[in-house]
Amino acid sequence: MENFSKIANKIISIGSGWMLITTTIIFLLFSVTVLPDQSQKAALYSGDSGSPDLSLYYSPDELYTMAEQFGENGRQSYIKARFTFDLAFPFVYGAFLLSASAWGLGALTDEKNRWRLLVFIPILAILFDLLENTAASIVIGRYPQPSPIAAHLAPFFTLVKWIFVGSGFAISIVLIILGLWRKIKK
């Protein structure tokens, strides 16, 4: 645990207000300029079948059904998006969440405070997002060949990703508000 605390303290020491502002601007610009186009492209190949990345949970059978409904071109588009846009997006939102957490925890806690371990939540969100993309892409790319291990891991990775992404945003918002409140009071 001590090693994790040292790493958390190092991450938090790098965080700054300027880093938070920069990553917020990048996140907002990405959300306004890139996300709408990617959503539109995804709607073309996924139709009513949905997409693994946007689902909270799905079964392996539902993942195979999505792969079937995507069709050959849709499956290729899905995989291309996972290894272009969806490689960048986890790092964009992750950088924002990490800088927000680092800044807030730096403003609110000292180096011995265990709450500083919350800074790992954005890192876990990125990790599980990338694992989800990889597992789902294996299933969709190999379809109609079965990929039982990836088909069972993908839904788990998706659910865990959303837990970390959701908690990362909630924690970041709370930390920013509390950090600003503390700075204003001083």
C-alpha atoms as a PDB file:
ATOM      1  CA  MET A   1       0.000   0.000   0.000  1.00  0.00           C
ATOM      2  CA  GLU A   2       2.896   2.305   0.717  1.00  0.00           C
ATOM      3  CA  ASN A   3       4.099   2.055  -2.885  1.00  0.00           C
ATOM      4  CA  PHE A   4       0.650   3.032  -4.165  1.00  0.00           C
ATOM      5  CA  SER A   5       0.653   5.995  -1.797  1.00  0.00           C
ATOM      6  CA  LYS A   6       4.034   7.119  -3.142  1.00  0.00           C
ATOM      7  CA  ILE A   7       2.808   6.844  -6.728  1.00  0.00           C
ATOM      8  CA  ALA A   8      -0.415   8.693  -5.858  1.00  0.00           C
ATOM      9  CA  ASN A   9       1.573  11.475  -4.194  1.00  0.00           C
ATOM     10  CA  LYS A  10       3.831  11.772  -7.244  1.00  0.00           C
ATOM     11  CA  ILE A  11       0.824  12.013  -9.589  1.00  0.00           C
ATOM     12  CA  ILE A  12      -0.825  14.601  -7.338  1.00  0.00           C
ATOM     13  CA  SER A  13       2.385  16.640  -7.124  1.00  0.00           C
ATOM     14  CA  ILE A  14       2.386  16.974 -10.921  1.00  0.00           C
ATOM     15  CA  GLY A  15      -1.218  18.196 -11.000  1.00  0.00           C
ATOM     16  CA  SER A  16      -1.753  21.932 -11.288  1.00  0.00           C
ATOM     17  CA  GLY A  17      -4.483  24.415 -12.002  1.00  0.00           C
ATOM     18  CA  TRP A  18      -3.076  25.018 -15.480  1.00  0.00           C
ATOM     19  CA  MET A  19      -3.067  21.301 -16.214  1.00  0.00           C
ATOM     20  CA  LEU A  20      -6.689  21.085 -15.105  1.00  0.00           C
ATOM     21  CA  ILE A  21      -7.662  24.043 -17.310  1.00  0.00           C
ATOM     22  CA  THR A  22      -5.776  22.602 -20.300  1.00  0.00           C
ATOM     23  CA  THR A  23      -7.242  19.102 -19.995  1.00  0.00           C
ATOM     24  CA  THR A  24     -10.729  20.556 -19.455  1.00  0.00           C
ATOM     25  CA  ILE A  25     -10.443  22.578 -22.678  1.00  0.00           C
ATOM     26  CA  ILE A  26      -9.144  19.550 -24.604  1.00  0.00           C
ATOM     27  CA  PHE A  27     -11.935  17.351 -23.210  1.00  0.00           C
ATOM     28  CA  LEU A  28     -14.620  19.914 -24.093  1.00  0.00           C
ATOM     29  CA  LEU A  29     -13.220  20.510 -27.596  1.00  0.00           C
ATOM     30  CA  PHE A  30     -12.999  16.760 -28.236  1.00  0.00           C
ATOM     31  CA  SER A  31     -16.559  16.305 -26.967  1.00  0.00           C
ATOM     32  CA  VAL A  32     -17.904  19.054 -29.227  1.00  0.00           C
ATOM     33  CA  THR A  33     -15.890  18.361 -32.379  1.00  0.00           C
ATOM     34  CA  VAL A  34     -15.072  14.628 -32.484  1.00  0.00           C
ATOM     35  CA  LEU A  35     -17.780  12.851 -30.469  1.00  0.00           C
ATOM     36  CA  PRO A  36     -20.785  13.919 -32.580  1.00  0.00           C
ATOM     37  CA  ASP A  37     -19.149  12.647 -35.781  1.00  0.00           C
ATOM     38  CA  GLN A  38     -18.158   9.361 -34.141  1.00  0.00           C
ATOM     39  CA  SER A  39     -21.662   8.913 -32.722  1.00  0.00           C
ATOM     40  CA  GLN A  40     -23.155   9.440 -36.152  1.00  0.00           C
ATOM     41  CA  LYS A  41     -20.784   6.902 -37.731  1.00  0.00           C
ATOM     42  CA  ALA A  42     -21.530   4.378 -34.985  1.00  0.00           C
ATOM     43  CA  ALA A  43     -25.272   4.802 -35.515  1.00  0.00           C
ATOM     44  CA  LEU A  44     -24.813   3.903 -39.185  1.00  0.00           C
ATOM     45  CA  TYR A  45     -23.302   0.480 -38.526  1.00  0.00           C
ATOM     46  CA  SER A  46     -24.944  -0.384 -35.229  1.00  0.00           C
ATOM     47  CA  GLY A  47     -28.501   0.710 -36.039  1.00  0.00           C
ATOM     48  CA  ASP A  48     -30.883  -0.596 -33.399  1.00  0.00           C
ATOM     49  CA  SER A  49     -28.495  -3.311 -32.214  1.00  0.00           C
ATOM     50  CA  GLY A  50     -26.571  -0.991 -29.895  1.00  0.00           C
ATOM     51  CA  SER A  51     -22.859  -0.979 -29.245  1.00  0.00           C
ATOM     52  CA  PRO A  52     -20.845  -2.687 -26.517  1.00  0.00           C
ATOM     53  CA  ASP A  53     -19.139   0.569 -25.476  1.00  0.00           C
ATOM     54  CA  LEU A  54     -22.413   2.352 -24.813  1.00  0.00           C
ATOM     55  CA  SER A  55     -24.065  -0.514 -22.958  1.00  0.00           C
ATOM     56  CA  LEU A  56     -23.838  -0.838 -19.208  1.00  0.00           C
ATOM     57  CA  TYR A  57     -23.937  -4.605 -19.418  1.00  0.00           C
ATOM     58  CA  TYR A  58     -24.636  -7.203 -22.080  1.00  0.00           C
ATOM     59  CA  SER A  59     -24.281 -10.959 -22.325  1.00  0.00           C
ATOM     60  CA  PRO A  60     -21.839 -12.790 -24.614  1.00  0.00           C
ATOM     61  CA  ASP A  61     -24.844 -13.829 -26.735  1.00  0.00           C
ATOM     62  CA  GLU A  62     -25.910 -10.198 -27.076  1.00  0.00           C
ATOM     63  CA  LEU A  63     -22.371  -9.302 -28.164  1.00  0.00           C
ATOM     64  CA  TYR A  64     -22.520 -11.975 -30.889  1.00  0.00           C
ATOM     65  CA  THR A  65     -25.919 -10.638 -31.948  1.00  0.00           C
ATOM     66  CA  MET A  66     -24.448  -7.130 -32.244  1.00  0.00           C
ATOM     67  CA  ALA A  67     -21.585  -8.511 -34.338  1.00  0.00           C
ATOM     68  CA  GLU A  68     -24.054 -10.246 -36.637  1.00  0.00           C
ATOM     69  CA  GLN A  69     -26.285  -7.191 -36.997  1.00  0.00           C
ATOM     70  CA  PHE A  70     -23.318  -4.899 -37.738  1.00  0.00           C
ATOM     71  CA  GLY A  71     -22.659  -6.815 -40.962  1.00  0.00           C
ATOM     72  CA  GLU A  72     -19.201  -7.141 -42.513  1.00  0.00           C
ATOM     73  CA  ASN A  73     -18.744  -3.413 -43.210  1.00  0.00           C
ATOM     74  CA  GLY A  74     -20.102  -2.477 -39.801  1.00  0.00           C
ATOM     75  CA  ARG A  75     -17.733  -4.883 -38.061  1.00  0.00           C
ATOM     76  CA  GLN A  76     -14.791  -3.374 -39.927  1.00  0.00           C
ATOM     77  CA  SER A  77     -15.967   0.152 -39.047  1.00  0.00           C
ATOM     78  CA  TYR A  78     -16.399  -0.831 -35.402  1.00  0.00           C
ATOM     79  CA  ILE A  79     -12.863  -2.208 -35.169  1.00  0.00           C
ATOM     80  CA  LYS A  80     -11.380   0.795 -36.991  1.00  0.00           C
ATOM     81  CA  ALA A  81     -13.139   3.147 -34.553  1.00  0.00           C
ATOM     82  CA  ARG A  82     -11.886   1.182 -31.525  1.00  0.00           C
ATOM     83  CA  PHE A  83      -8.281   1.510 -32.641  1.00  0.00           C
ATOM     84  CA  THR A  84      -8.406   5.138 -33.771  1.00  0.00           C
ATOM     85  CA  PHE A  85     -10.991   7.320 -32.037  1.00  0.00           C
ATOM     86  CA  ASP A  86     -11.476   5.005 -29.064  1.00  0.00           C
ATOM     87  CA  LEU A  87      -7.774   4.854 -28.370  1.00  0.00           C
ATOM     88  CA  ALA A  88      -7.703   8.625 -28.083  1.00  0.00           C
ATOM     89  CA  PHE A  89     -10.934   9.226 -26.156  1.00  0.00           C
ATOM     90  CA  PRO A  90     -10.023   7.272 -22.987  1.00  0.00           C
ATOM     91  CA  PHE A  91      -6.835   9.295 -22.743  1.00  0.00           C
ATOM     92  CA  VAL A  92      -8.698  12.570 -23.320  1.00  0.00           C
ATOM     93  CA  TYR A  93     -11.332  11.989 -20.632  1.00  0.00           C
ATOM     94  CA  GLY A  94      -8.748  10.186 -18.479  1.00  0.00           C
ATOM     95  CA  ALA A  95      -6.373  13.162 -18.585  1.00  0.00           C
ATOM     96  CA  PHE A  96      -9.209  15.445 -17.527  1.00  0.00           C
ATOM     97  CA  LEU A  97     -10.284  13.130 -14.693  1.00  0.00           C
ATOM     98  CA  LEU A  98      -6.703  12.585 -13.575  1.00  0.00           C
ATOM     99  CA  SER A  99      -5.850  16.288 -13.546  1.00  0.00           C
ATOM    100  CA  ALA A 100      -9.120  17.151 -11.768  1.00  0.00           C
ATOM    101  CA  SER A 101      -8.515  14.467  -9.138  1.00  0.00           C
ATOM    102  CA  ALA A 102      -4.866  15.429  -8.710  1.00  0.00           C
ATOM    103  CA  TRP A 103      -5.658  19.115  -8.366  1.00  0.00           C
ATOM    104  CA  GLY A 104      -8.550  18.556  -5.944  1.00  0.00           C
ATOM    105  CA  LEU A 105      -6.711  16.010  -3.808  1.00  0.00           C
ATOM    106  CA  GLY A 106      -3.639  18.249  -3.759  1.00  0.00           C
ATOM    107  CA  ALA A 107      -5.742  21.163  -2.526  1.00  0.00           C
ATOM    108  CA  LEU A 108      -7.614  19.152   0.085  1.00  0.00           C
ATOM    109  CA  THR A 109      -5.259  16.514   1.496  1.00  0.00           C
ATOM    110  CA  ASP A 110      -1.725  16.078   2.755  1.00  0.00           C
ATOM    111  CA  GLU A 111       0.718  13.400   1.622  1.00  0.00           C
ATOM    112  CA  LYS A 112      -0.275  10.909   4.338  1.00  0.00           C
ATOM    113  CA  ASN A 113      -3.992  11.002   3.572  1.00  0.00           C
ATOM    114  CA  ARG A 114      -5.316   7.703   2.165  1.00  0.00           C
ATOM    115  CA  TRP A 115      -7.981   9.555   0.189  1.00  0.00           C
ATOM    116  CA  ARG A 116      -5.167  10.365  -2.249  1.00  0.00           C
ATOM    117  CA  LEU A 117      -5.514   6.835  -3.603  1.00  0.00           C
ATOM    118  CA  LEU A 118      -8.667   8.082  -5.381  1.00  0.00           C
ATOM    119  CA  VAL A 119      -6.307   9.446  -8.033  1.00  0.00           C
ATOM    120  CA  PHE A 120      -6.066   5.876  -9.401  1.00  0.00           C
ATOM    121  CA  ILE A 121      -9.743   5.789 -10.407  1.00  0.00           C
ATOM    122  CA  PRO A 122      -9.184   7.629 -13.734  1.00  0.00           C
ATOM    123  CA  ILE A 123      -6.265   5.320 -14.514  1.00  0.00           C
ATOM    124  CA  LEU A 124      -8.475   2.292 -13.900  1.00  0.00           C
ATOM    125  CA  ALA A 125     -11.202   3.828 -16.095  1.00  0.00           C
ATOM    126  CA  ILE A 126      -8.717   4.138 -18.976  1.00  0.00           C
ATOM    127  CA  LEU A 127      -7.373   0.633 -18.412  1.00  0.00           C
ATOM    128  CA  PHE A 128     -10.797  -1.031 -18.403  1.00  0.00           C
ATOM    129  CA  ASP A 129     -11.927   1.030 -21.402  1.00  0.00           C
ATOM    130  CA  LEU A 130      -8.946  -0.247 -23.393  1.00  0.00           C
ATOM    131  CA  LEU A 131      -9.526  -3.812 -22.182  1.00  0.00           C
ATOM    132  CA  GLU A 132     -13.188  -3.559 -23.204  1.00  0.00           C
ATOM    133  CA  ASN A 133     -12.249  -2.260 -26.662  1.00  0.00           C
ATOM    134  CA  THR A 134      -9.768  -5.082 -27.147  1.00  0.00           C
ATOM    135  CA  ALA A 135     -12.068  -7.890 -25.992  1.00  0.00           C
ATOM    136  CA  ALA A 136     -15.098  -6.627 -27.930  1.00  0.00           C
ATOM    137  CA  SER A 137     -12.967  -6.088 -31.046  1.00  0.00           C
ATOM    138  CA  ILE A 138     -11.696  -9.656 -30.868  1.00  0.00           C
ATOM    139  CA  VAL A 139     -15.255 -10.990 -30.764  1.00  0.00           C
ATOM    140  CA  ILE A 140     -16.550  -8.669 -33.474  1.00  0.00           C
ATOM    141  CA  GLY A 141     -13.471  -9.075 -35.666  1.00  0.00           C
ATOM    142  CA  ARG A 142     -13.477 -12.871 -35.523  1.00  0.00           C
ATOM    143  CA  TYR A 143     -17.239 -13.194 -36.002  1.00  0.00           C
ATOM    144  CA  PRO A 144     -18.718 -15.714 -36.933  1.00  0.00           C
ATOM    145  CA  GLN A 145     -15.874 -17.666 -35.320  1.00  0.00           C
ATOM    146  CA  PRO A 146     -16.480 -17.964 -31.567  1.00  0.00           C
ATOM    147  CA  SER A 147     -14.208 -16.158 -29.127  1.00  0.00           C
ATOM    148  CA  PRO A 148     -15.545 -17.455 -25.804  1.00  0.00           C
ATOM    149  CA  ILE A 149     -12.929 -15.941 -23.487  1.00  0.00           C
ATOM    150  CA  ALA A 150     -13.132 -12.477 -25.049  1.00  0.00           C
ATOM    151  CA  ALA A 151     -16.945 -12.749 -25.266  1.00  0.00           C
ATOM    152  CA  HIS A 152     -17.164 -13.325 -21.513  1.00  0.00           C
ATOM    153  CA  LEU A 153     -14.529 -10.753 -20.582  1.00  0.00           C
ATOM    154  CA  ALA A 154     -15.909  -7.897 -22.720  1.00  0.00           C
ATOM    155  CA  PRO A 155     -19.163  -7.443 -20.729  1.00  0.00           C
ATOM    156  CA  PHE A 156     -17.233  -7.578 -17.453  1.00  0.00           C
ATOM    157  CA  PHE A 157     -14.709  -4.988 -18.693  1.00  0.00           C
ATOM    158  CA  THR A 158     -17.562  -2.761 -19.908  1.00  0.00           C
ATOM    159  CA  LEU A 159     -19.370  -2.815 -16.578  1.00  0.00           C
ATOM    160  CA  VAL A 160     -16.183  -2.142 -14.603  1.00  0.00           C
ATOM    161  CA  LYS A 161     -15.218   0.630 -17.048  1.00  0.00           C
ATOM    162  CA  TRP A 162     -18.530   2.398 -16.469  1.00  0.00           C
ATOM    163  CA  ILE A 163     -18.170   2.048 -12.695  1.00  0.00           C
ATOM    164  CA  PHE A 164     -14.758   3.738 -12.817  1.00  0.00           C
ATOM    165  CA  VAL A 165     -15.767   6.348 -15.418  1.00  0.00           C
ATOM    166  CA  GLY A 166     -18.921   7.282 -13.501  1.00  0.00           C
ATOM    167  CA  SER A 167     -17.210   7.394 -10.127  1.00  0.00           C
ATOM    168  CA  GLY A 168     -14.264   9.246 -11.704  1.00  0.00           C
ATOM    169  CA  PHE A 169     -16.529  12.022 -12.962  1.00  0.00           C
ATOM    170  CA  ALA A 170     -18.481  12.201  -9.702  1.00  0.00           C
ATOM    171  CA  ILE A 171     -15.325  12.328  -7.593  1.00  0.00           C
ATOM    172  CA  SER A 172     -13.686  14.873  -9.905  1.00  0.00           C
ATOM    173  CA  ILE A 173     -16.666  17.218  -9.748  1.00  0.00           C
ATOM    174  CA  VAL A 174     -16.816  16.989  -5.959  1.00  0.00           C
ATOM    175  CA  LEU A 175     -13.047  17.528  -5.636  1.00  0.00           C
ATOM    176  CA  ILE A 176     -13.090  20.544  -7.961  1.00  0.00           C
ATOM    177  CA  ILE A 177     -15.965  22.130  -6.018  1.00  0.00           C
ATOM    178  CA  LEU A 178     -14.373  21.440  -2.632  1.00  0.00           C
ATOM    179  CA  GLY A 179     -10.939  22.552  -3.853  1.00  0.00           C
ATOM    180  CA  LEU A 180     -12.330  25.802  -5.236  1.00  0.00           C
ATOM    181  CA  TRP A 181     -14.297  26.374  -2.039  1.00  0.00           C
ATOM    182  CA  ARG A 182     -11.142  25.917   0.045  1.00  0.00           C
ATOM    183  CA  LYS A 183      -9.124  28.276  -2.182  1.00  0.00           C
ATOM    184  CA  ILE A 184     -11.875  30.908  -2.087  1.00  0.00           C
ATOM    185  CA  LYS A 185     -12.100  30.688   1.713  1.00  0.00           C
ATOM    186  CA  LYS A 186      -8.341  31.280   1.995  1.00  0.00           C
END
